[in-house]
């Protein structure tokens, strides 16, 4: 059937009376609103005797079948006259058949009055409105100079399969109503499906009829794909495989550059897709690297030894008035310690040393300062070992014009207990804290100055100071998020071009 007939007015004669078969758009009731509305899918019927033709009749597809998929009849790659080279043999596409799968519902599975044809027609129209027809696909026929046929199957999804004729060792499609036999294996007949011819153009070894019903089986055996199509008096058996864009270019492309315009466009699309693929791989490796760095940064820490060495107790439990109460002040200087690397990230933590002294219904507020040795020497001079002088110096540290400390942190330990209104005992405590990370710009010798106030006297050494060099994972996580966004973007572009 030639494409020259495409677009011409189609007239179908009724098989019962010879009248003209026409389309009609029946009314049916909307299930949600209860209002009558016009069906979007037409009913095919005879204008003279009123005989109905549904989606299980040839007349239906002869009149409107192709129109239901008219937006999908064009191909991005194939057309008549296109030549391919397969296994060194040149093939030319000479014909195309388009199939559509019959609706995947059975009207007899629904309740209706079998004696009421109008109710059946209305139900059929409603089901078609809801479910529509099945998938459709193109089968392109190519032939070599010596008369060997080859087929290219083009699905709605864009997948393309290359098929060659196949002669099975054995096949039986008729003897068993429940199954077929193919190459020694039984296949349930329910695995097959019916399709209809809705369009044909070009030349064929037979004359395809619009509306012709074909029983199809897609069989996978030993890793190979087989297609069995049983039409009216004819069986076609092919063996095929899926081919990607690169293979299509290889088969249909021209080394001389004088190739079909569609293949040239496909070549450009593949080049663009490969560019996104390459970028996607780079981003994937970047993600793996960033994940490793994030994990490394999260777990890496290097303890700075000697933090609490060379302890100088400047004041111990000195009573000071706090309103009507008395609090006890203690001052301790630790160090110096050596910081060998500048520009690195550090963290410190303070914890109550319960091995030295327990905490029970009491509190202790803390301030810890990291002090550069050069700044301390500038203020103390040769009195850096004078305990009384240092105690007085640090007591007035807040009044200095230039800060003495390089970094400072404050916090509190506390322990509370009691009995609630229902008579149950309770106990709560907070015996440690750790501030955020900070950077020490310059290497050198540093001191830790610890100042505390408590409502009860505390022994020396009741506060443990931990000091560690760490790695910040913040920027790794930011880079990871950016790489993930780029990865999914390029992957979506690859899929859209596939």
Foldseek 3Di string as FASTA:
>chain_A
DACVCPPPQFWDADPPPGATKDWDFDWDADPPPRDIDTFPDIWIAGPPPGHTDALLFLVSLSHCVCVVCVVPPDDLADDFQFWWADPNFIKGWFKKWKKWFAFPDDLVVDDDDPVDVVRSVNSRSVVCSVRNTHWMWMWIWIATPVGFIKIWIAGPLRWIKTKGFDDFPDWADPPDPQWIATNRDTGGLVQKTKMFTNDMHGDDPDDHDGSWIWIWHWDADPNWTWIWIDTDVDITIITIDIDDLVVVCVTRPDPVRPGDPSNVVSVVLVVVLVVLVVLLVVLVVLLVVLVVVLVCQVPDKAWQPQQAPPKDWLAFQDWDDDDPAIKGKTKIKGDFGWFPDFFFKKWKKKFFDVVQPNAAQKKKKKKKFKFAPVLVCVVQPPCPVPSPVVVVCVVCQVVDPDHRGPDMDIDMWGKDWDADPVGDIDIDIDGMDIDDMDGGHDTDIIMMMMMMMMRDGDDPPRMDMIMITGHDSVVSVVSSVVSVVSSVVSVVSSVVSD
